[in-house]
């Protein structure tokens, strides 16, 4: 990802141990093993899209969770969590999701 630019913005991938400061991050990917991070999801500043693994991620306040089903990667969405962070997810994305929690 180093050096990649999307829509005029540089992409940077960083491993972090603590929640990012306000306006320093637009997306946060949480590995399944990072159970402590799940407790802090509600305290993230608005505007940060949270992405994780496993169906429990969206039940615990994450916004998009990747799930492997029949050797295919699918995803679930927590639309309420996204709205609470001030994010509106595309209707096209919602239509192809495996599940949408409202």
PDB file of N, CA and C in Angstrom:
ATOM      1  N   UNK A   1       0.814  -1.191   0.000  1.00  0.00           N
ATOM      2  CA  UNK A   1       0.000   0.000   0.000  1.00  0.00           C
ATOM      3  C   UNK A   1       0.865   1.266   0.000  1.00  0.00           C
ATOM      4  N   UNK A   2       2.124   1.126   0.334  1.00  0.00           N
ATOM      5  CA  UNK A   2       2.988   2.304   0.397  1.00  0.00           C
ATOM      6  C   UNK A   2       3.020   3.012  -0.954  1.00  0.00           C
ATOM      7  N   UNK A   3       2.790   4.301  -0.921  1.00  0.00           N
ATOM      8  CA  UNK A   3       2.824   5.097  -2.132  1.00  0.00           C
ATOM      9  C   UNK A   3       1.529   5.127  -2.920  1.00  0.00           C
ATOM     10  N   UNK A   4       0.542   4.348  -2.534  1.00  0.00           N
ATOM     11  CA  UNK A   4      -0.742   4.313  -3.240  1.00  0.00           C
ATOM     12  C   UNK A   4      -1.522   5.600  -2.988  1.00  0.00           C
ATOM     13  N   UNK A   5      -2.212   6.061  -4.021  1.00  0.00           N
ATOM     14  CA  UNK A   5      -3.046   7.249  -3.902  1.00  0.00           C
ATOM     15  C   UNK A   5      -4.424   6.918  -4.462  1.00  0.00           C
ATOM     16  N   UNK A   6      -5.472   7.241  -3.720  1.00  0.00           N
ATOM     17  CA  UNK A   6      -6.848   7.026  -4.148  1.00  0.00           C
ATOM     18  C   UNK A   6      -7.586   8.339  -4.005  1.00  0.00           C
ATOM     19  N   UNK A   7      -8.205   8.769  -5.092  1.00  0.00           N
ATOM     20  CA  UNK A   7      -8.962  10.023  -5.112  1.00  0.00           C
ATOM     21  C   UNK A   7      -8.118  11.187  -4.580  1.00  0.00           C
ATOM     22  N   UNK A   8      -6.847  11.191  -4.933  1.00  0.00           N
ATOM     23  CA  UNK A   8      -5.966  12.284  -4.539  1.00  0.00           C
ATOM     24  C   UNK A   8      -5.462  12.226  -3.110  1.00  0.00           C
ATOM     25  N   UNK A   9      -5.724  11.121  -2.415  1.00  0.00           N
ATOM     26  CA  UNK A   9      -5.282  10.989  -1.017  1.00  0.00           C
ATOM     27  C   UNK A   9      -4.318   9.827  -0.886  1.00  0.00           C
ATOM     28  N   UNK A  10      -3.247  10.054  -0.131  1.00  0.00           N
ATOM     29  CA  UNK A  10      -2.277   8.994   0.115  1.00  0.00           C
ATOM     30  C   UNK A  10      -2.870   7.974   1.078  1.00  0.00           C
ATOM     31  N   UNK A  11      -2.575   6.717   0.824  1.00  0.00           N
ATOM     32  CA  UNK A  11      -3.004   5.644   1.718  1.00  0.00           C
ATOM     33  C   UNK A  11      -1.828   5.283   2.605  1.00  0.00           C
ATOM     34  N   UNK A  12      -2.077   5.188   3.893  1.00  0.00           N
ATOM     35  CA  UNK A  12      -1.049   4.786   4.847  1.00  0.00           C
ATOM     36  C   UNK A  12      -1.624   3.690   5.735  1.00  0.00           C
ATOM     37  N   UNK A  13      -0.857   2.650   5.938  1.00  0.00           N
ATOM     38  CA  UNK A  13      -1.266   1.561   6.817  1.00  0.00           C
ATOM     39  C   UNK A  13      -0.327   1.572   8.007  1.00  0.00           C
ATOM     40  N   UNK A  14      -0.907   1.608   9.204  1.00  0.00           N
ATOM     41  CA  UNK A  14      -0.104   1.627  10.421  1.00  0.00           C
ATOM     42  C   UNK A  14      -0.689   0.659  11.433  1.00  0.00           C
ATOM     43  N   UNK A  15       0.183   0.006  12.169  1.00  0.00           N
ATOM     44  CA  UNK A  15      -0.270  -0.793  13.314  1.00  0.00           C
ATOM     45  C   UNK A  15      -0.289   0.143  14.501  1.00  0.00           C
ATOM     46  N   UNK A  16      -1.385   0.123  15.228  1.00  0.00           N
ATOM     47  CA  UNK A  16      -1.494   1.013  16.378  1.00  0.00           C
ATOM     48  C   UNK A  16      -1.819   0.211  17.626  1.00  0.00           C
ATOM     49  N   UNK A  17      -1.442   0.760  18.766  1.00  0.00           N
ATOM     50  CA  UNK A  17      -1.726   0.099  20.041  1.00  0.00           C
ATOM     51  C   UNK A  17      -2.839   0.820  20.795  1.00  0.00           C
ATOM     52  N   UNK A  18      -3.100   2.073  20.426  1.00  0.00           N
ATOM     53  CA  UNK A  18      -4.130   2.867  21.082  1.00  0.00           C
ATOM     54  C   UNK A  18      -5.016   3.495  20.014  1.00  0.00           C
ATOM     55  N   UNK A  19      -6.184   3.912  20.408  1.00  0.00           N
ATOM     56  CA  UNK A  19      -7.080   4.545  19.453  1.00  0.00           C
ATOM     57  C   UNK A  19      -6.427   5.768  18.828  1.00  0.00           C
ATOM     58  N   UNK A  20      -6.678   5.980  17.555  1.00  0.00           N
ATOM     59  CA  UNK A  20      -6.042   7.127  16.882  1.00  0.00           C
ATOM     60  C   UNK A  20      -6.607   8.447  17.376  1.00  0.00           C
ATOM     61  N   UNK A  21      -5.784   9.501  17.360  1.00  0.00           N
ATOM     62  CA  UNK A  21      -6.298  10.818  17.752  1.00  0.00           C
ATOM     63  C   UNK A  21      -7.299  11.324  16.718  1.00  0.00           C
ATOM     64  N   UNK A  22      -8.157  12.264  17.115  1.00  0.00           N
ATOM     65  CA  UNK A  22      -9.168  12.792  16.192  1.00  0.00           C
ATOM     66  C   UNK A  22      -8.555  13.270  14.877  1.00  0.00           C
ATOM     67  N   UNK A  23      -9.250  12.983  13.794  1.00  0.00           N
ATOM     68  CA  UNK A  23      -8.909  13.398  12.427  1.00  0.00           C
ATOM     69  C   UNK A  23      -7.602  12.816  11.899  1.00  0.00           C
ATOM     70  N   UNK A  24      -7.053  11.811  12.557  1.00  0.00           N
ATOM     71  CA  UNK A  24      -5.816  11.206  12.070  1.00  0.00           C
ATOM     72  C   UNK A  24      -6.084   9.917  11.304  1.00  0.00           C
ATOM     73  N   UNK A  25      -7.330   9.468  11.300  1.00  0.00           N
ATOM     74  CA  UNK A  25      -7.660   8.167  10.734  1.00  0.00           C
ATOM     75  C   UNK A  25      -9.067   8.219  10.150  1.00  0.00           C
ATOM     76  N   UNK A  26      -9.244   7.603   8.983  1.00  0.00           N
ATOM     77  CA  UNK A  26     -10.578   7.538   8.380  1.00  0.00           C
ATOM     78  C   UNK A  26     -11.155   6.132   8.431  1.00  0.00           C
ATOM     79  N   UNK A  27     -10.293   5.126   8.463  1.00  0.00           N
ATOM     80  CA  UNK A  27     -10.721   3.736   8.557  1.00  0.00           C
ATOM     81  C   UNK A  27      -9.858   3.033   9.596  1.00  0.00           C
ATOM     82  N   UNK A  28     -10.490   2.169  10.362  1.00  0.00           N
ATOM     83  CA  UNK A  28      -9.771   1.409  11.374  1.00  0.00           C
ATOM     84  C   UNK A  28     -10.131  -0.059  11.198  1.00  0.00           C
ATOM     85  N   UNK A  29      -9.129  -0.899  10.887  1.00  0.00           N
ATOM     86  CA  UNK A  29      -9.347  -2.333  10.758  1.00  0.00           C
ATOM     87  C   UNK A  29      -8.927  -2.988  12.065  1.00  0.00           C
ATOM     88  N   UNK A  30      -9.816  -3.780  12.630  1.00  0.00           N
ATOM     89  CA  UNK A  30      -9.560  -4.438  13.911  1.00  0.00           C
ATOM     90  C   UNK A  30      -9.454  -5.940  13.668  1.00  0.00           C
ATOM     91  N   UNK A  31      -8.290  -6.505  13.987  1.00  0.00           N
ATOM     92  CA  UNK A  31      -8.119  -7.946  13.864  1.00  0.00           C
ATOM     93  C   UNK A  31      -8.963  -8.658  14.910  1.00  0.00           C
ATOM     94  N   UNK A  32      -9.380  -9.845  14.586  1.00  0.00           N
ATOM     95  CA  UNK A  32     -10.241 -10.640  15.471  1.00  0.00           C
ATOM     96  C   UNK A  32      -9.615 -10.809  16.857  1.00  0.00           C
ATOM     97  N   UNK A  33      -8.297 -10.914  16.920  1.00  0.00           N
ATOM     98  CA  UNK A  33      -7.623 -11.143  18.196  1.00  0.00           C
ATOM     99  C   UNK A  33      -7.638  -9.912  19.107  1.00  0.00           C
ATOM    100  N   UNK A  34      -7.927  -8.753  18.574  1.00  0.00           N
ATOM    101  CA  UNK A  34      -7.885  -7.506  19.346  1.00  0.00           C
ATOM    102  C   UNK A  34      -9.194  -7.277  20.097  1.00  0.00           C
ATOM    103  N   UNK A  35      -9.497  -8.130  21.041  1.00  0.00           N
ATOM    104  CA  UNK A  35     -10.769  -8.060  21.762  1.00  0.00           C
ATOM    105  C   UNK A  35     -10.891  -6.794  22.610  1.00  0.00           C
ATOM    106  N   UNK A  36      -9.798  -6.279  23.120  1.00  0.00           N
ATOM    107  CA  UNK A  36      -9.846  -5.068  23.936  1.00  0.00           C
ATOM    108  C   UNK A  36     -10.297  -3.858  23.129  1.00  0.00           C
ATOM    109  N   UNK A  37      -9.969  -3.846  21.849  1.00  0.00           N
ATOM    110  CA  UNK A  37     -10.360  -2.721  20.995  1.00  0.00           C
ATOM    111  C   UNK A  37     -11.871  -2.649  20.855  1.00  0.00           C
ATOM    112  N   UNK A  38     -12.529  -3.795  20.847  1.00  0.00           N
ATOM    113  CA  UNK A  38     -13.991  -3.816  20.710  1.00  0.00           C
ATOM    114  C   UNK A  38     -14.675  -2.983  21.791  1.00  0.00           C
ATOM    115  N   UNK A  39     -14.104  -2.987  22.983  1.00  0.00           N
ATOM    116  CA  UNK A  39     -14.692  -2.227  24.086  1.00  0.00           C
ATOM    117  C   UNK A  39     -14.598  -0.724  23.852  1.00  0.00           C
ATOM    118  N   UNK A  40     -13.637  -0.305  23.046  1.00  0.00           N
ATOM    119  CA  UNK A  40     -13.405   1.120  22.841  1.00  0.00           C
ATOM    120  C   UNK A  40     -14.062   1.667  21.575  1.00  0.00           C
ATOM    121  N   UNK A  41     -14.693   0.824  20.767  1.00  0.00           N
ATOM    122  CA  UNK A  41     -15.311   1.295  19.520  1.00  0.00           C
ATOM    123  C   UNK A  41     -16.284   2.453  19.726  1.00  0.00           C
ATOM    124  N   UNK A  42     -17.142   2.401  20.738  1.00  0.00           N
ATOM    125  CA  UNK A  42     -18.072   3.520  20.907  1.00  0.00           C
ATOM    126  C   UNK A  42     -17.392   4.856  21.210  1.00  0.00           C
ATOM    127  N   UNK A  43     -16.142   4.826  21.689  1.00  0.00           N
ATOM    128  CA  UNK A  43     -15.476   6.077  22.041  1.00  0.00           C
ATOM    129  C   UNK A  43     -14.690   6.692  20.880  1.00  0.00           C
ATOM    130  N   UNK A  44     -14.713   6.052  19.719  1.00  0.00           N
ATOM    131  CA  UNK A  44     -14.030   6.620  18.560  1.00  0.00           C
ATOM    132  C   UNK A  44     -14.690   7.931  18.156  1.00  0.00           C
ATOM    133  N   UNK A  45     -13.895   8.819  17.606  1.00  0.00           N
ATOM    134  CA  UNK A  45     -14.442  10.093  17.140  1.00  0.00           C
ATOM    135  C   UNK A  45     -15.312   9.840  15.913  1.00  0.00           C
ATOM    136  N   UNK A  46     -16.294  10.699  15.662  1.00  0.00           N
ATOM    137  CA  UNK A  46     -17.152  10.536  14.487  1.00  0.00           C
ATOM    138  C   UNK A  46     -16.337  10.560  13.197  1.00  0.00           C
ATOM    139  N   UNK A  47     -16.836   9.835  12.208  1.00  0.00           N
ATOM    140  CA  UNK A  47     -16.211   9.844  10.893  1.00  0.00           C
ATOM    141  C   UNK A  47     -15.223   8.726  10.641  1.00  0.00           C
ATOM    142  N   UNK A  48     -14.976   7.857  11.619  1.00  0.00           N
ATOM    143  CA  UNK A  48     -14.033   6.753  11.439  1.00  0.00           C
ATOM    144  C   UNK A  48     -14.822   5.483  11.114  1.00  0.00           C
ATOM    145  N   UNK A  49     -14.558   4.907   9.947  1.00  0.00           N
ATOM    146  CA  UNK A  49     -15.197   3.662   9.529  1.00  0.00           C
ATOM    147  C   UNK A  49     -14.460   2.499  10.179  1.00  0.00           C
ATOM    148  N   UNK A  50     -15.187   1.647  10.902  1.00  0.00           N
ATOM    149  CA  UNK A  50     -14.553   0.509  11.568  1.00  0.00           C
ATOM    150  C   UNK A  50     -14.858  -0.773  10.805  1.00  0.00           C
ATOM    151  N   UNK A  51     -13.802  -1.542  10.546  1.00  0.00           N
ATOM    152  CA  UNK A  51     -13.895  -2.768   9.775  1.00  0.00           C
ATOM    153  C   UNK A  51     -13.222  -3.862  10.584  1.00  0.00           C
ATOM    154  N   UNK A  52     -13.821  -5.054  10.602  1.00  0.00           N
ATOM    155  CA  UNK A  52     -13.246  -6.146  11.374  1.00  0.00           C
ATOM    156  C   UNK A  52     -13.580  -7.489  10.781  1.00  0.00           C
ATOM    157  N   UNK A  53     -13.409  -8.517  11.600  1.00  0.00           N
ATOM    158  CA  UNK A  53     -13.618  -9.892  11.170  1.00  0.00           C
ATOM    159  C   UNK A  53     -14.623 -10.572  12.078  1.00  0.00           C
ATOM    160  N   UNK A  54     -15.473 -11.396  11.507  1.00  0.00           N
ATOM    161  CA  UNK A  54     -16.412 -12.198  12.273  1.00  0.00           C
ATOM    162  C   UNK A  54     -17.728 -11.493  12.532  1.00  0.00           C
ATOM    163  N   UNK A  55     -18.779 -12.285  12.592  1.00  0.00           N
ATOM    164  CA  UNK A  55     -20.121 -11.725  12.772  1.00  0.00           C
ATOM    165  C   UNK A  55     -20.282 -10.984  14.091  1.00  0.00           C
ATOM    166  N   UNK A  56     -19.525 -11.353  15.095  1.00  0.00           N
ATOM    167  CA  UNK A  56     -19.652 -10.680  16.385  1.00  0.00           C
ATOM    168  C   UNK A  56     -19.165  -9.230  16.324  1.00  0.00           C
ATOM    169  N   UNK A  57     -18.334  -8.904  15.341  1.00  0.00           N
ATOM    170  CA  UNK A  57     -17.807  -7.543  15.242  1.00  0.00           C
ATOM    171  C   UNK A  57     -18.927  -6.527  15.073  1.00  0.00           C
ATOM    172  N   UNK A  58     -19.881  -6.793  14.195  1.00  0.00           N
ATOM    173  CA  UNK A  58     -20.977  -5.837  14.006  1.00  0.00           C
ATOM    174  C   UNK A  58     -21.915  -5.824  15.214  1.00  0.00           C
ATOM    175  N   UNK A  59     -22.055  -6.940  15.892  1.00  0.00           N
ATOM    176  CA  UNK A  59     -22.894  -6.971  17.099  1.00  0.00           C
ATOM    177  C   UNK A  59     -22.261  -6.162  18.226  1.00  0.00           C
ATOM    178  N   UNK A  60     -20.928  -6.019  18.196  1.00  0.00           N
ATOM    179  CA  UNK A  60     -20.207  -5.287  19.237  1.00  0.00           C
ATOM    180  C   UNK A  60     -19.947  -3.828  18.872  1.00  0.00           C
ATOM    181  N   UNK A  61     -20.608  -3.327  17.834  1.00  0.00           N
ATOM    182  CA  UNK A  61     -20.482  -1.914  17.502  1.00  0.00           C
ATOM    183  C   UNK A  61     -19.609  -1.589  16.318  1.00  0.00           C
ATOM    184  N   UNK A  62     -19.015  -2.601  15.687  1.00  0.00           N
ATOM    185  CA  UNK A  62     -18.253  -2.366  14.465  1.00  0.00           C
ATOM    186  C   UNK A  62     -19.205  -2.112  13.304  1.00  0.00           C
ATOM    187  N   UNK A  63     -18.706  -1.525  12.244  1.00  0.00           N
ATOM    188  CA  UNK A  63     -19.582  -1.154  11.124  1.00  0.00           C
ATOM    189  C   UNK A  63     -19.618  -2.177  10.000  1.00  0.00           C
ATOM    190  N   UNK A  64     -18.463  -2.711   9.618  1.00  0.00           N
ATOM    191  CA  UNK A  64     -18.405  -3.712   8.552  1.00  0.00           C
ATOM    192  C   UNK A  64     -17.551  -4.870   9.040  1.00  0.00           C
ATOM    193  N   UNK A  65     -18.063  -6.096   8.887  1.00  0.00           N
ATOM    194  CA  UNK A  65     -17.324  -7.281   9.323  1.00  0.00           C
ATOM    195  C   UNK A  65     -17.231  -8.281   8.189  1.00  0.00           C
ATOM    196  N   UNK A  66     -16.011  -8.703   7.880  1.00  0.00           N
ATOM    197  CA  UNK A  66     -15.804  -9.740   6.878  1.00  0.00           C
ATOM    198  C   UNK A  66     -16.026 -11.106   7.515  1.00  0.00           C
ATOM    199  N   UNK A  67     -16.713 -11.974   6.781  1.00  0.00           N
ATOM    200  CA  UNK A  67     -17.033 -13.311   7.261  1.00  0.00           C
ATOM    201  C   UNK A  67     -16.772 -14.297   6.128  1.00  0.00           C
ATOM    202  N   UNK A  68     -16.123 -15.419   6.428  1.00  0.00           N
ATOM    203  CA  UNK A  68     -15.913 -16.461   5.420  1.00  0.00           C
ATOM    204  C   UNK A  68     -17.072 -17.441   5.520  1.00  0.00           C
ATOM    205  N   UNK A  69     -17.737 -17.639   4.380  1.00  0.00           N
ATOM    206  CA  UNK A  69     -18.897 -18.526   4.322  1.00  0.00           C
ATOM    207  C   UNK A  69     -18.789 -19.367   3.051  1.00  0.00           C
ATOM    208  N   UNK A  70     -18.736 -20.673   3.202  1.00  0.00           N
ATOM    209  CA  UNK A  70     -18.577 -21.577   2.053  1.00  0.00           C
ATOM    210  C   UNK A  70     -17.382 -21.177   1.181  1.00  0.00           C
ATOM    211  N   UNK A  71     -16.266 -20.904   1.828  1.00  0.00           N
ATOM    212  CA  UNK A  71     -15.001 -20.531   1.187  1.00  0.00           C
ATOM    213  C   UNK A  71     -15.090 -19.219   0.399  1.00  0.00           C
ATOM    214  N   UNK A  72     -16.081 -18.407   0.696  1.00  0.00           N
ATOM    215  CA  UNK A  72     -16.226 -17.098   0.066  1.00  0.00           C
ATOM    216  C   UNK A  72     -16.237 -16.028   1.148  1.00  0.00           C
ATOM    217  N   UNK A  73     -15.654 -14.885   0.840  1.00  0.00           N
ATOM    218  CA  UNK A  73     -15.659 -13.777   1.791  1.00  0.00           C
ATOM    219  C   UNK A  73     -16.926 -12.968   1.573  1.00  0.00           C
ATOM    220  N   UNK A  74     -17.697 -12.836   2.628  1.00  0.00           N
ATOM    221  CA  UNK A  74     -18.919 -12.039   2.624  1.00  0.00           C
ATOM    222  C   UNK A  74     -18.745 -10.969   3.699  1.00  0.00           C
ATOM    223  N   UNK A  75     -19.724 -10.102   3.861  1.00  0.00           N
ATOM    224  CA  UNK A  75     -19.612  -9.097   4.911  1.00  0.00           C
ATOM    225  C   UNK A  75     -20.977  -8.745   5.469  1.00  0.00           C
ATOM    226  N   UNK A  76     -20.961  -8.372   6.733  1.00  0.00           N
ATOM    227  CA  UNK A  76     -22.143  -7.879   7.424  1.00  0.00           C
ATOM    228  C   UNK A  76     -21.941  -6.417   7.770  1.00  0.00           C
ATOM    229  N   UNK A  77     -23.039  -5.710   7.946  1.00  0.00           N
ATOM    230  CA  UNK A  77     -22.983  -4.273   8.208  1.00  0.00           C
ATOM    231  C   UNK A  77     -23.840  -3.922   9.415  1.00  0.00           C
ATOM    232  N   UNK A  78     -23.335  -3.013  10.236  1.00  0.00           N
ATOM    233  CA  UNK A  78     -24.112  -2.430  11.330  1.00  0.00           C
ATOM    234  C   UNK A  78     -24.402  -0.984  10.912  1.00  0.00           C
ATOM    235  N   UNK A  79     -25.564  -0.780  10.309  1.00  0.00           N
ATOM    236  CA  UNK A  79     -25.926   0.535   9.790  1.00  0.00           C
ATOM    237  C   UNK A  79     -26.107   1.560  10.902  1.00  0.00           C
ATOM    238  N   UNK A  80     -26.571   1.127  12.055  1.00  0.00           N
ATOM    239  CA  UNK A  80     -26.761   2.027  13.192  1.00  0.00           C
ATOM    240  C   UNK A  80     -25.425   2.568  13.686  1.00  0.00           C
ATOM    241  N   UNK A  81     -24.412   1.707  13.769  1.00  0.00           N
ATOM    242  CA  UNK A  81     -23.090   2.151  14.214  1.00  0.00           C
ATOM    243  C   UNK A  81     -22.514   3.165  13.235  1.00  0.00           C
ATOM    244  N   UNK A  82     -22.699   2.931  11.942  1.00  0.00           N
ATOM    245  CA  UNK A  82     -22.201   3.870  10.937  1.00  0.00           C
ATOM    246  C   UNK A  82     -22.915   5.219  11.066  1.00  0.00           C
ATOM    247  N   UNK A  83     -24.225   5.181  11.219  1.00  0.00           N
ATOM    248  CA  UNK A  83     -24.987   6.426  11.358  1.00  0.00           C
ATOM    249  C   UNK A  83     -24.581   7.184  12.615  1.00  0.00           C
ATOM    250  N   UNK A  84     -24.314   6.454  13.693  1.00  0.00           N
ATOM    251  CA  UNK A  84     -23.888   7.091  14.944  1.00  0.00           C
ATOM    252  C   UNK A  84     -22.550   7.805  14.784  1.00  0.00           C
ATOM    253  N   UNK A  85     -21.726   7.322  13.844  1.00  0.00           N
ATOM    254  CA  UNK A  85     -20.426   7.947  13.587  1.00  0.00           C
ATOM    255  C   UNK A  85     -20.524   9.023  12.516  1.00  0.00           C
ATOM    256  N   UNK A  86     -21.762   9.284  12.063  1.00  0.00           N
ATOM    257  CA  UNK A  86     -21.957  10.316  11.048  1.00  0.00           C
ATOM    258  C   UNK A  86     -21.647   9.848   9.638  1.00  0.00           C
ATOM    259  N   UNK A  87     -21.663   8.522   9.421  1.00  0.00           N
ATOM    260  CA  UNK A  87     -21.365   7.970   8.104  1.00  0.00           C
ATOM    261  C   UNK A  87     -22.633   7.407   7.472  1.00  0.00           C
ATOM    262  N   UNK A  88     -22.779   7.607   6.196  1.00  0.00           N
ATOM    263  CA  UNK A  88     -23.898   7.044   5.449  1.00  0.00           C
ATOM    264  C   UNK A  88     -23.322   6.050   4.450  1.00  0.00           C
ATOM    265  N   UNK A  89     -23.719   4.805   4.571  1.00  0.00           N
ATOM    266  CA  UNK A  89     -23.209   3.765   3.688  1.00  0.00           C
ATOM    267  C   UNK A  89     -24.048   3.696   2.420  1.00  0.00           C
ATOM    268  N   UNK A  90     -23.412   3.422   1.320  1.00  0.00           N
ATOM    269  CA  UNK A  90     -24.066   3.351   0.019  1.00  0.00           C
ATOM    270  C   UNK A  90     -25.163   2.295   0.005  1.00  0.00           C
ATOM    271  N   UNK A  91     -26.273   2.609  -0.652  1.00  0.00           N
ATOM    272  CA  UNK A  91     -27.352   1.626  -0.773  1.00  0.00           C
ATOM    273  C   UNK A  91     -26.886   0.420  -1.580  1.00  0.00           C
ATOM    274  N   UNK A  92     -25.960   0.623  -2.512  1.00  0.00           N
ATOM    275  CA  UNK A  92     -25.411  -0.493  -3.282  1.00  0.00           C
ATOM    276  C   UNK A  92     -24.641  -1.435  -2.374  1.00  0.00           C
ATOM    277  N   UNK A  93     -23.883  -0.884  -1.431  1.00  0.00           N
ATOM    278  CA  UNK A  93     -23.142  -1.697  -0.476  1.00  0.00           C
ATOM    279  C   UNK A  93     -24.108  -2.459   0.434  1.00  0.00           C
ATOM    280  N   UNK A  94     -25.135  -1.777   0.899  1.00  0.00           N
ATOM    281  CA  UNK A  94     -26.127  -2.417   1.770  1.00  0.00           C
ATOM    282  C   UNK A  94     -26.841  -3.563   1.057  1.00  0.00           C
ATOM    283  N   UNK A  95     -27.102  -3.411  -0.233  1.00  0.00           N
ATOM    284  CA  UNK A  95     -27.814  -4.435  -0.992  1.00  0.00           C
ATOM    285  C   UNK A  95     -27.024  -5.720  -1.186  1.00  0.00           C
ATOM    286  N   UNK A  96     -25.700  -5.644  -1.206  1.00  0.00           N
ATOM    287  CA  UNK A  96     -24.898  -6.848  -1.419  1.00  0.00           C
ATOM    288  C   UNK A  96     -24.363  -7.436  -0.115  1.00  0.00           C
ATOM    289  N   UNK A  97     -24.659  -6.807   0.998  1.00  0.00           N
ATOM    290  CA  UNK A  97     -24.207  -7.327   2.288  1.00  0.00           C
ATOM    291  C   UNK A  97     -24.939  -8.615   2.644  1.00  0.00           C
ATOM    292  N   UNK A  98     -24.250  -9.485   3.352  1.00  0.00           N
ATOM    293  CA  UNK A  98     -24.863 -10.732   3.824  1.00  0.00           C
ATOM    294  C   UNK A  98     -25.961 -10.410   4.835  1.00  0.00           C
ATOM    295  N   UNK A  99     -25.684  -9.444   5.704  1.00  0.00           N
ATOM    296  CA  UNK A  99     -26.663  -9.028   6.706  1.00  0.00           C
ATOM    297  C   UNK A  99     -26.468  -7.543   7.018  1.00  0.00           C
ATOM    298  N   UNK A 100     -27.571  -6.903   7.382  1.00  0.00           N
ATOM    299  CA  UNK A 100     -27.531  -5.486   7.767  1.00  0.00           C
ATOM    300  C   UNK A 100     -28.269  -5.348   9.088  1.00  0.00           C
ATOM    301  N   UNK A 101     -27.553  -4.905  10.126  1.00  0.00           N
ATOM    302  CA  UNK A 101     -28.189  -4.646  11.422  1.00  0.00           C
ATOM    303  C   UNK A 101     -28.578  -3.194  11.471  1.00  0.00           C
ATOM    304  N   UNK A 102     -29.829  -2.949  11.835  1.00  0.00           N
ATOM    305  CA  UNK A 102     -30.335  -1.570  11.896  1.00  0.00           C
ATOM    306  C   UNK A 102     -30.670  -1.202  13.310  1.00  0.00           C
TER     307      UNK A 102
END
